[in-house]
Amino acid sequence: MKPESPFNTLPVVVVILALAIVGIEVVFQLANAGIIGGPRGLGWRLAAIEEFGFAPAVLDRVLVSGDYSLDMLKRFVTYTFINGDLIQMAFCAALILALGKFTAEYYGSFRVLVVYIVTSIAGAVVFGMLAGDNTLLIGAFTPVYGLIGAYTYVLWLRLGSAGENQIMAFRLIGFLLAIQLIFGLIFGGNSQWISELAGFVTGFVVSTLLAPGGWASLVRRMRERS
């Protein structure tokens, strides 16, 4: 009997997102090793950050100056594909594969892509409003937290159906935020937690509309409990 490929069980959208993140980092690693790009390859990551990264100045350009050019608008999503290093990429890709598979089984593949894009944009907007002017936002952790929000909503529904305490659904996000706080106190933190928290909240809220039955189902459940 022919062994089944593990990729057969993963939604195509999830695989494409993960491969895009991995592939870009592979190019940077090969360039840093001098295998491709020559001397110019050493600056490819920095060039990509400048071209595709997000900063509060981008939000100012859009809202204050009315610059709705593709160069500005693309950054609200493209920053998620440019990670700072190999470790960040590995964590993000692994979490996208795991969380993406779970959420796609409940919401459907296309809706996972919607969660990814919407939470990326929302995280960037909130980051642009609250972070310092000299800060930079890159990496896929914002939509990863968005997928965690979607995952949390599924747990919240299942615990409610089982008559159990629905607060338990928030254990994962509570644990992750606690870990971030500890690492921030030890090693010094940055402002990216703003976009990550915004991504989680957005993912949870958007999931109330994307879940089977959508908003009508949520209202019905709330009325049953009142």
C-alpha atoms as a PDB file:
ATOM      1  CA  MET A   1       0.000   0.000   0.000  1.00  0.00           C
ATOM      2  CA  LYS A   2       1.415   3.368  -1.067  1.00  0.00           C
ATOM      3  CA  PRO A   3       2.025   5.711   1.889  1.00  0.00           C
ATOM      4  CA  GLU A   4      -0.107   8.829   1.859  1.00  0.00           C
ATOM      5  CA  SER A   5       1.714  12.145   1.655  1.00  0.00           C
ATOM      6  CA  PRO A   6       1.130  14.351   4.715  1.00  0.00           C
ATOM      7  CA  PHE A   7       0.524  17.265   2.331  1.00  0.00           C
ATOM      8  CA  ASN A   8      -2.587  15.488   1.022  1.00  0.00           C
ATOM      9  CA  THR A   9      -4.315  16.223   4.319  1.00  0.00           C
ATOM     10  CA  LEU A  10      -3.433  19.925   4.266  1.00  0.00           C
ATOM     11  CA  PRO A  11      -5.576  22.501   2.440  1.00  0.00           C
ATOM     12  CA  VAL A  12      -3.876  23.932  -0.644  1.00  0.00           C
ATOM     13  CA  VAL A  13      -4.269  27.510   0.621  1.00  0.00           C
ATOM     14  CA  VAL A  14      -2.467  26.665   3.861  1.00  0.00           C
ATOM     15  CA  VAL A  15       0.362  24.908   2.027  1.00  0.00           C
ATOM     16  CA  ILE A  16       0.802  27.850  -0.355  1.00  0.00           C
ATOM     17  CA  LEU A  17       0.990  30.357   2.505  1.00  0.00           C
ATOM     18  CA  ALA A  18       3.549  28.255   4.365  1.00  0.00           C
ATOM     19  CA  LEU A  19       5.629  27.597   1.242  1.00  0.00           C
ATOM     20  CA  ALA A  20       5.679  31.304   0.387  1.00  0.00           C
ATOM     21  CA  ILE A  21       7.046  32.138   3.838  1.00  0.00           C
ATOM     22  CA  VAL A  22       9.579  29.290   3.742  1.00  0.00           C
ATOM     23  CA  GLY A  23      10.639  29.965   0.156  1.00  0.00           C
ATOM     24  CA  ILE A  24      11.401  33.633   0.766  1.00  0.00           C
ATOM     25  CA  GLU A  25      13.486  32.795   3.824  1.00  0.00           C
ATOM     26  CA  VAL A  26      15.365  30.090   1.882  1.00  0.00           C
ATOM     27  CA  VAL A  27      16.340  32.718  -0.695  1.00  0.00           C
ATOM     28  CA  PHE A  28      17.645  34.997   2.071  1.00  0.00           C
ATOM     29  CA  GLN A  29      19.611  32.158   3.670  1.00  0.00           C
ATOM     30  CA  LEU A  30      21.179  31.143   0.351  1.00  0.00           C
ATOM     31  CA  ALA A  31      22.073  34.768  -0.331  1.00  0.00           C
ATOM     32  CA  ASN A  32      23.653  35.157   3.128  1.00  0.00           C
ATOM     33  CA  ALA A  33      25.718  32.023   2.471  1.00  0.00           C
ATOM     34  CA  GLY A  34      26.974  33.508  -0.797  1.00  0.00           C
ATOM     35  CA  ILE A  35      25.398  30.750  -2.882  1.00  0.00           C
ATOM     36  CA  ILE A  36      23.197  33.129  -4.859  1.00  0.00           C
ATOM     37  CA  GLY A  37      23.176  36.861  -5.468  1.00  0.00           C
ATOM     38  CA  GLY A  38      26.873  37.471  -4.975  1.00  0.00           C
ATOM     39  CA  PRO A  39      27.872  40.419  -2.751  1.00  0.00           C
ATOM     40  CA  ARG A  40      24.515  42.101  -3.354  1.00  0.00           C
ATOM     41  CA  GLY A  41      22.701  39.093  -1.927  1.00  0.00           C
ATOM     42  CA  LEU A  42      23.777  40.040   1.583  1.00  0.00           C
ATOM     43  CA  GLY A  43      21.445  43.038   1.418  1.00  0.00           C
ATOM     44  CA  TRP A  44      18.408  41.259  -0.003  1.00  0.00           C
ATOM     45  CA  ARG A  45      16.612  40.892   3.345  1.00  0.00           C
ATOM     46  CA  LEU A  46      17.051  44.577   4.155  1.00  0.00           C
ATOM     47  CA  ALA A  47      15.929  45.535   0.653  1.00  0.00           C
ATOM     48  CA  ALA A  48      12.837  43.319   1.010  1.00  0.00           C
ATOM     49  CA  ILE A  49      12.008  44.877   4.370  1.00  0.00           C
ATOM     50  CA  GLU A  50      12.243  48.350   2.876  1.00  0.00           C
ATOM     51  CA  GLU A  51      10.108  47.320  -0.109  1.00  0.00           C
ATOM     52  CA  PHE A  52       7.476  45.150   1.578  1.00  0.00           C
ATOM     53  CA  GLY A  53       7.659  45.863   5.333  1.00  0.00           C
ATOM     54  CA  PHE A  54       5.162  47.949   7.290  1.00  0.00           C
ATOM     55  CA  ALA A  55       5.769  50.967   9.515  1.00  0.00           C
ATOM     56  CA  PRO A  56       3.518  53.613  11.121  1.00  0.00           C
ATOM     57  CA  ALA A  57       4.701  56.032   8.428  1.00  0.00           C
ATOM     58  CA  VAL A  58       2.869  53.862   5.871  1.00  0.00           C
ATOM     59  CA  LEU A  59      -0.438  54.376   7.684  1.00  0.00           C
ATOM     60  CA  ASP A  60       0.251  58.119   7.834  1.00  0.00           C
ATOM     61  CA  ARG A  61       0.897  58.200   4.093  1.00  0.00           C
ATOM     62  CA  VAL A  62      -2.401  56.444   3.426  1.00  0.00           C
ATOM     63  CA  LEU A  63      -4.677  58.256   5.881  1.00  0.00           C
ATOM     64  CA  VAL A  64      -3.094  61.704   6.062  1.00  0.00           C
ATOM     65  CA  SER A  65      -1.574  62.136   2.625  1.00  0.00           C
ATOM     66  CA  GLY A  66      -4.170  60.052   0.795  1.00  0.00           C
ATOM     67  CA  ASP A  67      -1.539  57.888  -0.857  1.00  0.00           C
ATOM     68  CA  TYR A  68      -3.495  54.819  -1.949  1.00  0.00           C
ATOM     69  CA  SER A  69      -0.821  53.588  -4.324  1.00  0.00           C
ATOM     70  CA  LEU A  70      -0.077  49.874  -4.593  1.00  0.00           C
ATOM     71  CA  ASP A  71       3.336  50.488  -3.021  1.00  0.00           C
ATOM     72  CA  MET A  72       1.625  51.618   0.188  1.00  0.00           C
ATOM     73  CA  LEU A  73      -1.417  49.329   0.277  1.00  0.00           C
ATOM     74  CA  LYS A  74       0.482  46.097  -0.446  1.00  0.00           C
ATOM     75  CA  ARG A  75       2.512  46.558   2.750  1.00  0.00           C
ATOM     76  CA  PHE A  76      -0.555  45.884   4.927  1.00  0.00           C
ATOM     77  CA  VAL A  77      -0.210  42.220   3.889  1.00  0.00           C
ATOM     78  CA  THR A  78       3.245  41.679   2.359  1.00  0.00           C
ATOM     79  CA  TYR A  79       5.039  42.364   5.636  1.00  0.00           C
ATOM     80  CA  THR A  80       3.831  38.972   6.854  1.00  0.00           C
ATOM     81  CA  PHE A  81       6.001  37.133   4.310  1.00  0.00           C
ATOM     82  CA  ILE A  82       9.274  38.813   5.332  1.00  0.00           C
ATOM     83  CA  ASN A  83      10.541  37.342   8.590  1.00  0.00           C
ATOM     84  CA  GLY A  84      13.474  38.616  10.591  1.00  0.00           C
ATOM     85  CA  ASP A  85      15.399  35.353  10.754  1.00  0.00           C
ATOM     86  CA  LEU A  86      15.274  31.602  10.216  1.00  0.00           C
ATOM     87  CA  ILE A  87      13.852  30.831  13.674  1.00  0.00           C
ATOM     88  CA  GLN A  88      10.944  33.242  13.305  1.00  0.00           C
ATOM     89  CA  MET A  89      10.158  31.795   9.893  1.00  0.00           C
ATOM     90  CA  ALA A  90      10.207  28.224  11.219  1.00  0.00           C
ATOM     91  CA  PHE A  91       7.813  29.007  14.059  1.00  0.00           C
ATOM     92  CA  CYS A  92       5.437  30.924  11.784  1.00  0.00           C
ATOM     93  CA  ALA A  93       5.384  28.298   9.041  1.00  0.00           C
ATOM     94  CA  ALA A  94       4.803  25.451  11.509  1.00  0.00           C
ATOM     95  CA  LEU A  95       1.977  27.299  13.268  1.00  0.00           C
ATOM     96  CA  ILE A  96       0.322  28.243   9.981  1.00  0.00           C
ATOM     97  CA  LEU A  97       0.353  24.598   8.876  1.00  0.00           C
ATOM     98  CA  ALA A  98      -1.046  23.349  12.194  1.00  0.00           C
ATOM     99  CA  LEU A  99      -3.604  26.079  12.839  1.00  0.00           C
ATOM    100  CA  GLY A 100      -4.495  26.398   9.163  1.00  0.00           C
ATOM    101  CA  LYS A 101      -5.332  22.703   8.913  1.00  0.00           C
ATOM    102  CA  PHE A 102      -7.545  22.801  11.991  1.00  0.00           C
ATOM    103  CA  THR A 103      -9.397  25.988  11.058  1.00  0.00           C
ATOM    104  CA  ALA A 104      -9.842  24.914   7.427  1.00  0.00           C
ATOM    105  CA  GLU A 105     -11.569  21.744   8.597  1.00  0.00           C
ATOM    106  CA  TYR A 106     -14.154  23.897  10.382  1.00  0.00           C
ATOM    107  CA  TYR A 107     -14.391  27.067   8.280  1.00  0.00           C
ATOM    108  CA  GLY A 108     -13.184  25.933   4.849  1.00  0.00           C
ATOM    109  CA  SER A 109      -9.961  26.720   2.981  1.00  0.00           C
ATOM    110  CA  PHE A 110     -11.073  30.017   1.441  1.00  0.00           C
ATOM    111  CA  ARG A 111     -12.144  31.401   4.812  1.00  0.00           C
ATOM    112  CA  VAL A 112      -8.737  30.608   6.272  1.00  0.00           C
ATOM    113  CA  LEU A 113      -7.260  32.861   3.588  1.00  0.00           C
ATOM    114  CA  VAL A 114      -9.810  35.549   4.540  1.00  0.00           C
ATOM    115  CA  VAL A 115      -8.752  35.297   8.192  1.00  0.00           C
ATOM    116  CA  TYR A 116      -5.090  35.547   7.185  1.00  0.00           C
ATOM    117  CA  ILE A 117      -5.585  38.666   5.058  1.00  0.00           C
ATOM    118  CA  VAL A 118      -8.085  40.474   7.308  1.00  0.00           C
ATOM    119  CA  THR A 119      -6.066  39.921  10.490  1.00  0.00           C
ATOM    120  CA  SER A 120      -2.853  40.973   8.723  1.00  0.00           C
ATOM    121  CA  ILE A 121      -4.475  44.258   7.690  1.00  0.00           C
ATOM    122  CA  ALA A 122      -6.120  44.874  11.061  1.00  0.00           C
ATOM    123  CA  GLY A 123      -2.889  44.142  12.915  1.00  0.00           C
ATOM    124  CA  ALA A 124      -0.973  46.559  10.708  1.00  0.00           C
ATOM    125  CA  VAL A 125      -3.569  49.315  11.158  1.00  0.00           C
ATOM    126  CA  VAL A 126      -3.598  49.030  14.957  1.00  0.00           C
ATOM    127  CA  PHE A 127       0.203  48.812  15.001  1.00  0.00           C
ATOM    128  CA  GLY A 128       0.421  51.940  12.867  1.00  0.00           C
ATOM    129  CA  MET A 129      -1.884  53.794  15.244  1.00  0.00           C
ATOM    130  CA  LEU A 130      -0.267  52.775  18.544  1.00  0.00           C
ATOM    131  CA  ALA A 131       3.388  51.899  17.906  1.00  0.00           C
ATOM    132  CA  GLY A 132       6.226  54.401  17.883  1.00  0.00           C
ATOM    133  CA  ASP A 133       7.185  56.169  14.688  1.00  0.00           C
ATOM    134  CA  ASN A 134      10.547  54.412  14.396  1.00  0.00           C
ATOM    135  CA  THR A 135       9.206  50.869  14.807  1.00  0.00           C
ATOM    136  CA  LEU A 136       8.919  48.293  12.055  1.00  0.00           C
ATOM    137  CA  LEU A 137       6.472  45.439  11.554  1.00  0.00           C
ATOM    138  CA  ILE A 138       7.543  42.280   9.727  1.00  0.00           C
ATOM    139  CA  GLY A 139       6.859  38.577  10.108  1.00  0.00           C
ATOM    140  CA  ALA A 140       3.853  36.260  10.012  1.00  0.00           C
ATOM    141  CA  PHE A 141       3.080  36.225  13.723  1.00  0.00           C
ATOM    142  CA  THR A 142       0.202  38.695  13.286  1.00  0.00           C
ATOM    143  CA  PRO A 143      -1.893  36.406  11.020  1.00  0.00           C
ATOM    144  CA  VAL A 144      -0.752  33.430  13.117  1.00  0.00           C
ATOM    145  CA  TYR A 145      -2.413  35.100  16.098  1.00  0.00           C
ATOM    146  CA  GLY A 146      -5.400  35.712  13.839  1.00  0.00           C
ATOM    147  CA  LEU A 147      -5.624  31.971  13.212  1.00  0.00           C
ATOM    148  CA  ILE A 148      -5.311  31.423  16.959  1.00  0.00           C
ATOM    149  CA  GLY A 149      -8.327  33.717  17.342  1.00  0.00           C
ATOM    150  CA  ALA A 150     -10.283  31.600  14.841  1.00  0.00           C
ATOM    151  CA  TYR A 151      -9.151  28.432  16.628  1.00  0.00           C
ATOM    152  CA  THR A 152     -10.219  29.912  19.976  1.00  0.00           C
ATOM    153  CA  TYR A 153     -13.689  30.658  18.625  1.00  0.00           C
ATOM    154  CA  VAL A 154     -14.125  27.016  17.591  1.00  0.00           C
ATOM    155  CA  LEU A 155     -13.095  25.893  21.085  1.00  0.00           C
ATOM    156  CA  TRP A 156     -15.447  28.486  22.594  1.00  0.00           C
ATOM    157  CA  LEU A 157     -18.358  27.042  20.592  1.00  0.00           C
ATOM    158  CA  ARG A 158     -17.511  23.442  21.428  1.00  0.00           C
ATOM    159  CA  LEU A 159     -17.151  24.135  25.142  1.00  0.00           C
ATOM    160  CA  GLY A 160     -20.475  25.955  25.089  1.00  0.00           C
ATOM    161  CA  SER A 161     -22.171  23.037  23.344  1.00  0.00           C
ATOM    162  CA  ALA A 162     -20.748  20.675  25.959  1.00  0.00           C
ATOM    163  CA  GLY A 163     -21.965  22.912  28.789  1.00  0.00           C
ATOM    164  CA  GLU A 164     -18.437  23.584  30.010  1.00  0.00           C
ATOM    165  CA  ASN A 165     -16.741  26.823  31.007  1.00  0.00           C
ATOM    166  CA  GLN A 166     -16.059  28.709  27.758  1.00  0.00           C
ATOM    167  CA  ILE A 167     -13.317  30.807  29.365  1.00  0.00           C
ATOM    168  CA  MET A 168     -11.130  27.722  29.050  1.00  0.00           C
ATOM    169  CA  ALA A 169     -11.008  28.367  25.301  1.00  0.00           C
ATOM    170  CA  PHE A 170      -8.721  31.326  25.969  1.00  0.00           C
ATOM    171  CA  ARG A 171      -6.015  29.299  27.708  1.00  0.00           C
ATOM    172  CA  LEU A 172      -3.792  29.182  24.620  1.00  0.00           C
ATOM    173  CA  ILE A 173      -3.758  32.936  24.010  1.00  0.00           C
ATOM    174  CA  GLY A 174      -3.309  33.542  27.735  1.00  0.00           C
ATOM    175  CA  PHE A 175      -0.316  31.210  27.801  1.00  0.00           C
ATOM    176  CA  LEU A 176       1.264  32.829  24.733  1.00  0.00           C
ATOM    177  CA  LEU A 177       0.817  36.342  26.110  1.00  0.00           C
ATOM    178  CA  ALA A 178       2.339  35.263  29.422  1.00  0.00           C
ATOM    179  CA  ILE A 179       5.353  33.795  27.592  1.00  0.00           C
ATOM    180  CA  GLN A 180       5.755  37.028  25.634  1.00  0.00           C
ATOM    181  CA  LEU A 181       5.608  39.069  28.823  1.00  0.00           C
ATOM    182  CA  ILE A 182       8.295  36.929  30.469  1.00  0.00           C
ATOM    183  CA  PHE A 183      10.605  37.095  27.453  1.00  0.00           C
ATOM    184  CA  GLY A 184       9.983  40.825  27.167  1.00  0.00           C
ATOM    185  CA  LEU A 185      10.994  41.384  30.785  1.00  0.00           C
ATOM    186  CA  ILE A 186      14.129  39.251  30.395  1.00  0.00           C
ATOM    187  CA  PHE A 187      15.345  40.176  26.925  1.00  0.00           C
ATOM    188  CA  GLY A 188      13.509  43.404  26.243  1.00  0.00           C
ATOM    189  CA  GLY A 189      10.334  43.615  24.221  1.00  0.00           C
ATOM    190  CA  ASN A 190       9.183  45.357  21.084  1.00  0.00           C
ATOM    191  CA  SER A 191       5.932  46.782  19.798  1.00  0.00           C
ATOM    192  CA  GLN A 192       4.983  43.829  17.620  1.00  0.00           C
ATOM    193  CA  TRP A 193       2.765  42.450  20.381  1.00  0.00           C
ATOM    194  CA  ILE A 194       0.334  45.256  19.471  1.00  0.00           C
ATOM    195  CA  SER A 195      -0.293  43.822  16.017  1.00  0.00           C
ATOM    196  CA  GLU A 196      -0.370  40.264  17.348  1.00  0.00           C
ATOM    197  CA  LEU A 197      -3.024  41.049  19.958  1.00  0.00           C
ATOM    198  CA  ALA A 198      -5.013  42.982  17.353  1.00  0.00           C
ATOM    199  CA  GLY A 199      -4.693  39.993  15.026  1.00  0.00           C
ATOM    200  CA  PHE A 200      -6.053  37.646  17.686  1.00  0.00           C
ATOM    201  CA  VAL A 201      -9.048  39.854  18.518  1.00  0.00           C
ATOM    202  CA  THR A 202      -9.809  40.372  14.834  1.00  0.00           C
ATOM    203  CA  GLY A 203      -9.515  36.652  14.120  1.00  0.00           C
ATOM    204  CA  PHE A 204     -11.942  35.838  16.917  1.00  0.00           C
ATOM    205  CA  VAL A 205     -14.471  38.506  15.859  1.00  0.00           C
ATOM    206  CA  VAL A 206     -14.272  37.713  12.133  1.00  0.00           C
ATOM    207  CA  SER A 207     -14.816  34.042  12.923  1.00  0.00           C
ATOM    208  CA  THR A 208     -18.280  34.818  14.303  1.00  0.00           C
ATOM    209  CA  LEU A 209     -19.223  35.754  10.729  1.00  0.00           C
ATOM    210  CA  LEU A 210     -17.241  33.051   8.936  1.00  0.00           C
ATOM    211  CA  ALA A 211     -18.377  30.134  11.098  1.00  0.00           C
ATOM    212  CA  PRO A 212     -21.236  27.937   9.820  1.00  0.00           C
ATOM    213  CA  GLY A 213     -24.457  29.903  10.365  1.00  0.00           C
ATOM    214  CA  GLY A 214     -22.483  33.115  10.812  1.00  0.00           C
ATOM    215  CA  TRP A 215     -23.901  35.996  12.813  1.00  0.00           C
ATOM    216  CA  ALA A 216     -27.439  34.555  12.918  1.00  0.00           C
ATOM    217  CA  SER A 217     -26.153  31.418  14.615  1.00  0.00           C
ATOM    218  CA  LEU A 218     -24.236  33.475  17.183  1.00  0.00           C
ATOM    219  CA  VAL A 219     -27.286  35.633  17.993  1.00  0.00           C
ATOM    220  CA  ARG A 220     -29.437  32.529  18.385  1.00  0.00           C
ATOM    221  CA  ARG A 221     -26.982  30.971  20.822  1.00  0.00           C
ATOM    222  CA  MET A 222     -26.743  34.178  22.849  1.00  0.00           C
ATOM    223  CA  ARG A 223     -30.557  34.357  23.080  1.00  0.00           C
ATOM    224  CA  GLU A 224     -30.712  30.748  24.245  1.00  0.00           C
ATOM    225  CA  ARG A 225     -28.306  31.573  27.061  1.00  0.00           C
ATOM    226  CA  SER A 226     -30.059  34.767  28.138  1.00  0.00           C
END
